[in-house]
Every structure is written in structure tokens, then in C-alpha cells.
Protein backbone atom coordinates (compact mmCIF):
# COMPACT_ATOMS: atom_id res chain seq x y z
CA UNK A 1 -16.39 76.50 -33.47
CA UNK A 2 -20.17 76.53 -33.20
CA UNK A 3 -22.35 74.19 -31.22
CA UNK A 4 -26.13 73.89 -31.26
CA UNK A 5 -28.35 71.64 -29.17
CA UNK A 6 -31.58 70.46 -30.78
CA UNK A 7 -34.51 68.91 -28.97
CA UNK A 8 -36.79 67.06 -31.35
CA UNK A 9 -37.09 63.45 -30.26
CA UNK A 10 -33.37 62.94 -29.64
CA UNK A 11 -30.35 64.81 -28.45
CA UNK A 12 -27.48 65.72 -30.71
CA UNK A 13 -25.02 68.55 -31.17
CA UNK A 14 -23.99 70.16 -34.44
CA UNK A 15 -20.33 71.02 -34.13
CA UNK A 16 -18.36 72.64 -36.88
CA UNK A 17 -14.66 73.11 -36.47
CA UNK A 18 -12.25 73.89 -39.28
CA UNK A 19 -9.10 73.31 -37.30
CA UNK A 20 -7.22 76.15 -39.02
CA UNK A 21 -4.76 77.24 -36.37
CA UNK A 22 -3.35 79.88 -38.72
CA UNK A 23 -6.72 81.37 -39.65
CA UNK A 24 -7.72 82.92 -42.96
CA UNK A 25 -4.44 84.79 -43.34
CA UNK A 26 -2.62 81.47 -43.54
CA UNK A 27 -4.83 80.38 -46.41
CA UNK A 28 -4.32 83.63 -48.25
CA UNK A 29 -0.57 83.19 -47.90
CA UNK A 30 -0.86 79.66 -49.28
CA UNK A 31 -2.93 80.80 -52.25
CA UNK A 32 -0.52 83.66 -52.97
CA UNK A 33 2.42 81.28 -52.83
CA UNK A 34 0.64 78.87 -55.17
CA UNK A 35 -0.14 81.65 -57.64
CA UNK A 36 3.49 82.80 -57.70
CA UNK A 37 4.60 79.21 -58.27
CA UNK A 38 2.31 78.87 -61.30
CA UNK A 39 3.45 82.25 -62.62
CA UNK A 40 7.14 81.35 -62.40
CA UNK A 41 6.65 77.87 -63.90
CA UNK A 42 4.54 79.26 -66.74
CA UNK A 43 6.94 82.05 -67.70
CA UNK A 44 10.02 79.79 -67.53
CA UNK A 45 8.36 77.15 -69.73
CA UNK A 46 7.07 79.73 -72.20
CA UNK A 47 10.56 81.13 -72.74
CA UNK A 48 12.09 77.69 -73.18
CA UNK A 49 9.29 76.51 -75.50
CA UNK A 50 9.95 79.43 -77.84
CA UNK A 51 13.68 78.61 -77.87
CA UNK A 52 13.11 74.89 -78.46
CA UNK A 53 10.53 75.44 -81.22
CA UNK A 54 12.91 77.81 -83.02
CA UNK A 55 15.73 75.27 -82.96
CA UNK A 56 13.32 72.51 -83.92
CA UNK A 57 12.24 74.32 -87.09
CA UNK A 58 15.83 75.26 -87.87
CA UNK A 59 17.13 71.69 -87.58
CA UNK A 60 13.90 69.99 -88.78
CA UNK A 61 14.13 67.78 -85.70
CA UNK A 62 10.83 66.13 -84.85
CA UNK A 63 12.22 65.25 -81.42
CA UNK A 64 12.70 68.95 -80.61
CA UNK A 65 9.45 70.01 -82.26
CA UNK A 66 7.49 67.33 -80.44
CA UNK A 67 9.07 68.26 -77.12
CA UNK A 68 8.34 71.93 -77.86
CA UNK A 69 4.73 71.07 -78.67
CA UNK A 70 4.53 69.06 -75.49
CA UNK A 71 5.95 71.99 -73.53
CA UNK A 72 3.55 74.37 -75.24
CA UNK A 73 0.70 72.14 -74.11
CA UNK A 74 2.09 72.38 -70.59
CA UNK A 75 2.33 76.16 -70.90
CA UNK A 76 -1.37 76.26 -71.78
CA UNK A 77 -2.12 73.85 -68.96
CA UNK A 78 -0.04 75.86 -66.49
CA UNK A 79 -1.83 79.02 -67.66
CA UNK A 80 -5.16 77.38 -66.87
CA UNK A 81 -3.81 76.25 -63.51
CA UNK A 82 -2.48 79.76 -62.85
CA UNK A 83 -5.89 81.24 -63.60
CA UNK A 84 -7.56 78.62 -61.39
CA UNK A 85 -5.17 79.33 -58.51
CA UNK A 86 -5.94 83.05 -58.88
CA UNK A 87 -9.69 82.36 -58.81
CA UNK A 88 -9.26 80.18 -55.73
CA UNK A 89 -8.06 83.24 -53.79
CA UNK A 90 -11.46 84.90 -54.12
CA UNK A 91 -13.27 84.78 -50.76
CA UNK A 92 -16.69 83.14 -50.28
CA UNK A 93 -19.52 85.45 -51.29
CA UNK A 94 -23.18 85.15 -52.18
CA UNK A 95 -24.06 81.72 -53.53
CA UNK A 96 -20.40 80.63 -53.60
CA UNK A 97 -20.23 79.73 -49.92
CA UNK A 98 -17.03 77.70 -50.37
CA UNK A 99 -15.39 80.40 -52.46
CA UNK A 100 -13.83 79.49 -55.82
CA UNK A 101 -11.43 76.76 -54.71
CA UNK A 102 -13.02 74.13 -56.93
CA UNK A 103 -11.78 76.05 -59.96
CA UNK A 104 -8.50 74.23 -59.30
CA UNK A 105 -10.33 70.94 -59.97
CA UNK A 106 -11.53 72.08 -63.41
CA UNK A 107 -8.09 73.12 -64.65
CA UNK A 108 -6.65 69.55 -64.81
CA UNK A 109 -9.61 68.49 -66.97
CA UNK A 110 -8.85 71.13 -69.60
CA UNK A 111 -5.16 70.32 -69.30
CA UNK A 112 -5.81 66.64 -69.98
CA UNK A 113 -7.92 67.37 -73.06
CA UNK A 114 -5.12 69.52 -74.47
CA UNK A 115 -2.63 66.72 -73.90
CA UNK A 116 -4.85 64.23 -75.72
CA UNK A 117 -4.93 66.44 -78.81
CA UNK A 118 -1.20 67.13 -78.82
CA UNK A 119 -0.33 63.50 -78.15
CA UNK A 120 -2.37 62.30 -81.12
CA UNK A 121 -0.72 64.79 -83.47
CA UNK A 122 2.76 63.86 -82.27
CA UNK A 123 2.17 60.13 -82.61
CA UNK A 124 0.81 60.46 -86.14
CA UNK A 125 3.75 62.55 -87.36
CA UNK A 126 6.26 60.20 -85.71
CA UNK A 127 4.78 57.14 -87.42
CA UNK A 128 4.79 58.96 -90.77
CA UNK A 129 8.50 59.79 -90.47
CA UNK A 130 9.62 56.26 -89.63
CA UNK A 131 9.46 55.32 -93.32
CA UNK A 132 12.09 57.91 -94.28
CA UNK A 133 13.70 59.64 -91.27
CA UNK A 134 15.54 62.82 -92.28
CA UNK A 135 19.13 63.60 -91.36
CA UNK A 136 19.15 65.76 -88.22
CA UNK A 137 22.07 67.80 -86.84
CA UNK A 138 22.50 66.09 -83.50
CA UNK A 139 24.52 68.66 -81.54
CA UNK A 140 21.76 71.33 -81.37
CA UNK A 141 19.31 68.64 -80.27
CA UNK A 142 21.63 67.64 -77.41
CA UNK A 143 22.25 71.23 -76.29
CA UNK A 144 18.62 72.40 -76.40
CA UNK A 145 17.29 69.23 -74.77
CA UNK A 146 19.89 69.55 -71.99
CA UNK A 147 18.64 73.07 -71.32
CA UNK A 148 15.14 71.60 -71.20
CA UNK A 149 16.11 69.22 -68.40
CA UNK A 150 17.35 72.12 -66.27
CA UNK A 151 14.34 74.30 -67.10
CA UNK A 152 11.75 71.65 -66.28
CA UNK A 153 13.45 70.57 -63.07
CA UNK A 154 13.68 74.22 -62.02
CA UNK A 155 9.99 74.84 -62.78
CA UNK A 156 9.03 71.63 -60.95
CA UNK A 157 10.89 72.93 -57.89
CA UNK A 158 8.40 75.81 -57.69
CA UNK A 159 5.52 73.30 -57.70
CA UNK A 160 7.06 70.82 -55.25
CA UNK A 161 4.63 71.61 -52.38
CA UNK A 162 1.76 70.07 -54.32
CA UNK A 163 3.37 66.64 -54.41
CA UNK A 164 5.06 64.38 -51.93
CA UNK A 165 4.52 62.04 -49.05
CA UNK A 166 2.76 64.65 -46.89
CA UNK A 167 0.59 66.28 -49.54
CA UNK A 168 -2.13 63.58 -49.40
CA UNK A 169 -2.86 64.56 -53.03
CA UNK A 170 -4.67 67.60 -51.63
CA UNK A 171 -4.02 70.08 -54.43
CA UNK A 172 -4.76 68.32 -57.68
CA UNK A 173 -3.95 71.51 -59.56
CA UNK A 174 -0.34 71.75 -58.36
CA UNK A 175 0.12 67.99 -58.37
CA UNK A 176 -0.82 67.82 -62.04
CA UNK A 177 1.59 70.64 -62.89
CA UNK A 178 4.41 69.01 -60.90
CA UNK A 179 3.96 65.64 -62.62
CA UNK A 180 3.87 67.31 -66.04
CA UNK A 181 7.11 69.12 -65.43
CA UNK A 182 8.88 66.00 -64.16
CA UNK A 183 7.63 64.10 -67.21
CA UNK A 184 8.96 66.91 -69.41
CA UNK A 185 12.39 66.57 -67.81
CA UNK A 186 12.35 62.84 -68.54
CA UNK A 187 11.32 63.48 -72.17
CA UNK A 188 14.12 66.02 -72.56
CA UNK A 189 16.54 63.41 -71.22
CA UNK A 190 15.28 61.00 -73.88
CA UNK A 191 15.89 63.68 -76.51
CA UNK A 192 19.47 64.08 -75.25
CA UNK A 193 20.04 60.34 -75.53
CA UNK A 194 18.52 60.34 -79.02
CA UNK A 195 20.84 63.17 -80.03
CA UNK A 196 23.84 61.23 -78.76
CA UNK A 197 22.72 58.17 -80.72
CA UNK A 198 22.39 60.23 -83.90
CA UNK A 199 25.75 61.91 -83.29
CA UNK A 200 27.75 58.77 -82.56
CA UNK A 201 26.00 56.09 -84.66
CA UNK A 202 23.97 58.08 -87.22
CA UNK A 203 20.76 56.41 -86.01
CA UNK A 204 18.31 58.75 -87.73
CA UNK A 205 15.33 56.64 -86.66
CA UNK A 206 15.90 57.84 -83.09
CA UNK A 207 14.33 61.21 -83.95
CA UNK A 208 10.83 59.87 -84.78
CA UNK A 209 11.24 57.19 -82.08
CA UNK A 210 11.77 59.90 -79.47
CA UNK A 211 8.74 61.77 -80.76
CA UNK A 212 6.65 58.61 -80.46
CA UNK A 213 7.91 58.19 -76.89
CA UNK A 214 6.77 61.74 -76.14
CA UNK A 215 3.34 60.91 -77.53
CA UNK A 216 3.08 57.89 -75.23
CA UNK A 217 4.15 59.93 -72.21
CA UNK A 218 1.53 62.54 -73.08
CA UNK A 219 -1.17 59.88 -73.47
CA UNK A 220 -0.39 58.28 -70.09
CA UNK A 221 -0.29 61.65 -68.35
CA UNK A 222 -3.57 62.72 -69.95
CA UNK A 223 -5.27 59.49 -68.85
CA UNK A 224 -4.16 59.96 -65.24
CA UNK A 225 -5.26 63.58 -65.16
CA UNK A 226 -8.64 62.72 -66.66
CA UNK A 227 -9.09 59.98 -64.06
CA UNK A 228 -8.16 62.25 -61.16
CA UNK A 229 -10.27 65.14 -62.46
CA UNK A 230 -13.28 62.85 -62.89
CA UNK A 231 -12.87 61.47 -59.37
CA UNK A 232 -12.66 64.99 -57.95
CA UNK A 233 -15.76 66.05 -59.89
CA UNK A 234 -17.60 63.05 -58.43
CA UNK A 235 -16.50 64.02 -54.89
CA UNK A 236 -14.52 60.81 -54.50
CA UNK A 237 -12.29 60.35 -51.47
CA UNK A 238 -8.93 61.92 -52.45
CA UNK A 239 -6.15 59.47 -53.30
CA UNK A 240 -3.79 59.04 -50.37
CA UNK A 241 -6.61 59.03 -47.82
CA UNK A 242 -8.04 55.69 -46.65
CA UNK A 243 -11.68 56.24 -45.68
CA UNK A 244 -11.81 53.02 -43.65
CA UNK A 245 -8.77 54.17 -41.68
CA UNK A 246 -10.38 57.56 -41.03
CA UNK A 247 -13.60 55.87 -39.91
CA UNK A 248 -11.73 53.54 -37.56
CA UNK A 249 -9.81 56.53 -36.18
CA UNK A 250 -13.03 58.41 -35.41
CA UNK A 251 -14.67 55.30 -33.94
CA UNK A 252 -11.71 54.89 -31.61
CA UNK A 253 -12.01 58.34 -30.05
CA UNK A 254 -12.98 58.54 -26.35
CA UNK A 255 -16.70 58.12 -25.76
CA UNK A 256 -17.56 57.43 -29.42
CA UNK A 257 -19.85 54.42 -29.78
CA UNK A 258 -20.62 54.70 -33.52
CA UNK A 259 -19.67 56.67 -36.63
CA UNK A 260 -21.99 57.20 -39.58
CA UNK A 261 -22.64 59.61 -42.45
CA UNK A 262 -18.90 59.88 -43.09
CA UNK A 263 -17.99 61.79 -46.26
CA UNK A 264 -14.53 62.94 -47.42
CA UNK A 265 -13.95 65.02 -50.56
CA UNK A 266 -11.70 67.69 -52.04
CA UNK A 267 -12.70 71.34 -52.10
CA UNK A 268 -9.70 72.22 -54.27
CA UNK A 269 -6.65 74.37 -53.52
CA UNK A 270 -5.41 71.97 -50.84
CA UNK A 271 -8.69 71.87 -48.88
CA UNK A 272 -9.97 68.44 -47.84
CA UNK A 273 -13.47 68.41 -46.34
CA UNK A 274 -15.01 65.84 -44.03
CA UNK A 275 -18.46 65.46 -42.50
CA UNK A 276 -19.36 62.77 -39.97
CA UNK A 277 -21.86 61.96 -37.25
CA UNK A 278 -20.28 60.74 -34.03
CA UNK A 279 -22.50 59.01 -31.45
CA UNK A 280 -21.39 59.92 -27.90
CA UNK A 281 -24.08 59.03 -25.36
CA UNK A 282 -24.82 61.60 -22.67
CA UNK A 283 -23.99 60.88 -19.04
CA UNK A 284 -20.42 59.73 -19.60
CA UNK A 285 -18.80 63.12 -19.27
CA UNK A 286 -19.34 63.87 -22.97
CA UNK A 287 -20.91 67.27 -22.27
CA UNK A 288 -18.04 68.38 -20.03
CA UNK A 289 -15.25 67.73 -22.52
CA UNK A 290 -17.29 68.50 -25.64
CA UNK A 291 -15.21 71.46 -26.91
CA UNK A 292 -11.90 69.88 -25.97
CA UNK A 293 -12.92 66.65 -27.70
CA UNK A 294 -13.74 68.49 -30.94
CA UNK A 295 -10.49 70.46 -30.87
CA UNK A 296 -8.46 67.31 -30.31
CA UNK A 297 -10.16 65.32 -33.09
CA UNK A 298 -10.01 68.24 -35.53
CA UNK A 299 -6.28 68.78 -35.11
CA UNK A 300 -5.62 65.04 -35.26
CA UNK A 301 -7.52 64.74 -38.56
CA UNK A 302 -5.37 67.49 -40.06
CA UNK A 303 -2.07 66.16 -38.71
CA UNK A 304 -2.68 62.49 -39.53
CA UNK A 305 -4.74 62.59 -42.73
CA UNK A 306 -4.39 66.12 -44.09
CA UNK A 307 -8.14 66.72 -43.60
CA UNK A 308 -8.33 70.43 -42.77
CA UNK A 309 -12.03 71.25 -43.18
CA UNK A 310 -13.95 68.84 -40.91
CA UNK A 311 -17.56 69.18 -39.79
CA UNK A 312 -18.41 66.86 -36.91
CA UNK A 313 -21.94 66.33 -35.61
CA UNK A 314 -22.19 64.92 -32.10
CA UNK A 315 -25.26 62.80 -31.34
CA UNK A 316 -26.33 61.36 -28.01
CA UNK A 317 -28.51 58.58 -29.40
CA UNK A 318 -28.43 56.05 -32.23
CA UNK A 319 -31.94 56.87 -33.52
CA UNK A 320 -31.86 60.13 -35.49
CA UNK A 321 -35.12 60.98 -37.23
CA UNK A 322 -33.53 63.58 -39.50
CA UNK A 323 -31.17 60.96 -40.95
CA UNK A 324 -34.08 59.13 -42.54
CA UNK A 325 -34.54 61.94 -45.04
CA UNK A 326 -31.01 61.41 -46.37
CA UNK A 327 -31.18 58.93 -49.25
CA UNK A 328 -27.43 58.59 -49.66
CA UNK A 329 -26.09 55.20 -48.55
CA UNK A 330 -24.48 55.35 -45.14
CA UNK A 331 -23.40 52.86 -42.59
CA UNK A 332 -22.88 52.98 -38.87
CA UNK A 333 -19.68 51.54 -37.50
CA UNK A 334 -19.76 50.67 -33.79
């Protein structure tokens, strides 16, 4: 933690505290774990995609081929995410003062564009086949799709730390991979049901119908990833974090009379950054408990909101001349 007192017309302290109780080694362990997760998920899906594509060509099943194409798109996406997670492990150096963590925010964008292309191709072929659906051997479809459910659920298990009630949407890279794999498991389940329908009732139209369902799932997933990637690129407040709640929390801390210049954004790879100016007038014991106050607030931000890279500036007066040079819209909350 660093603290600097400036005397130029008003009193304020610059205080920067990351709140990383585990230090840099903890982050390296997290990055290494994330990289292994992407590696395992990628290799598992690559092996299954090859198997499914082979059976799809052998049986001429569009349901299997479309699911294989979807899985291949995920393999490419996971490969991009794997590369991004590897880049994120590089330490800050030179002009890259935050390191390479934001590479994990670029990967979902490329992933989404791939899904758009694959989804369009699948939808077109499914619509073309509705006019004259071919006869498909149903049993191989059921068996291969059942394997797909197990494979995708297993791969999603490796990515589970990027999603859940306590993730705060921090790692968009792993969250995108997790959601893809869960969607793949659901699509494989649909393929199993289609195979059962073809086996029991000879409903040949279920094959292109399943492929069209896959195309819709791909389109929805691509839209969500594009939205999230765009928001991250624009430094929007990460989903799962309520900025008003964070501001009220800071304003309610002991001795704080106002909060302004509050910004919250994602640095990638599970890092959520925050900057804020906290007005704590001198003379009320603020100087005595300054370090303890910062430690308490920093750990509370991490525990309550998942914000693990905060920069807090303590000011002793409401009139800050240097703030006038900042053209970004800000508001002070008493």
C-alpha cells in the first residue's frame, strides 16, 4: 500500500491497495489452473469432435454433422481462450503496465464471430433438407450424441470456476467457455431425443429440425458473447456488480462524507478494478486510522463484490482543483 500527501490548495491522500492477501504467487497459481482447464477442455472436445464428424459423414446425419461443426467452433474458441489465458500469465513489463490480462477479453469476441459463421451455415443446410429429409440410421446418432453429453459436461467441469454465484462474472473468458460447453451438452441431448424419435417413429424430419435448433442455440450464444465482449471493451461495469450498491457501500464507511470519481471495470483473467475518491475530512481521527481504514475497505470490496484491484484516493476537502481537468462525467454522493 502506498500513501502520498499532496499540498497544493487542498489536502488529499493517494492510497493504492490491491487487497491481494495471497500475493502474486496466488495469481500465478490461478492463471496456471485456468490454462490447464482450457487445455483439458480443448483436447477433450477435439477428440470428440473428430469422432462425431466421422460418424456424421458415415451416417449422413445432419444432426451429428451440425453438432460436430458446433463443437469444432467451440474447439477453435477454446483454443483462442487457451492462448489468451496463456498470454494473461505474462507479467507487467514496459508499456503493458497491467500485463496481458485483457487478452482474455478479446478471445470471446473472436469466438462469437466464429459462432455466427457456423450458425448461419447450419441453419441454411437445415432449411434446405426439410424439403426431402434423408433416412438416417438412428442408433449411431443416439450413441454418439450420448457420448457428447458426457464429454461436454466433463469439459464444463474443468471450467466451472469461471461461472457461478460467487464469480461475479469476473472471468469472461472462462465464463464464455463454460456456457458454450453447457449449451453443447443440451444440444447433444436434443440429438439423442431426435435419434429416439427417428428410431421409434421414423420421424426423419427430426434430423434437420435438430440441426436448426443447433443453429438457433449458436446464434443466441454468439449474441450474448458479442454483447459481453463489447461491454468489456467499453470498460462497462461487469455484470453481477451493482455500481450504485458499491457507491452506497463506500459512502457508508466510517468518516466518509462523499464518494466521487467511482469507476469499476474488468481487467480480464478474473481481475476487477475500481478507482474512487473518498472524502474524509481531517480532524476526525481519519489520519490515525488511515491504513487500517484502507485495509478494511479493500478486503470488504473483494469479499462482498469480488473487486480485487481497488485504488482508493482519500481527500480531506470537497474542492479538488485537479478534478476539474477530468472531463469524464462524475458525481459526488454525500
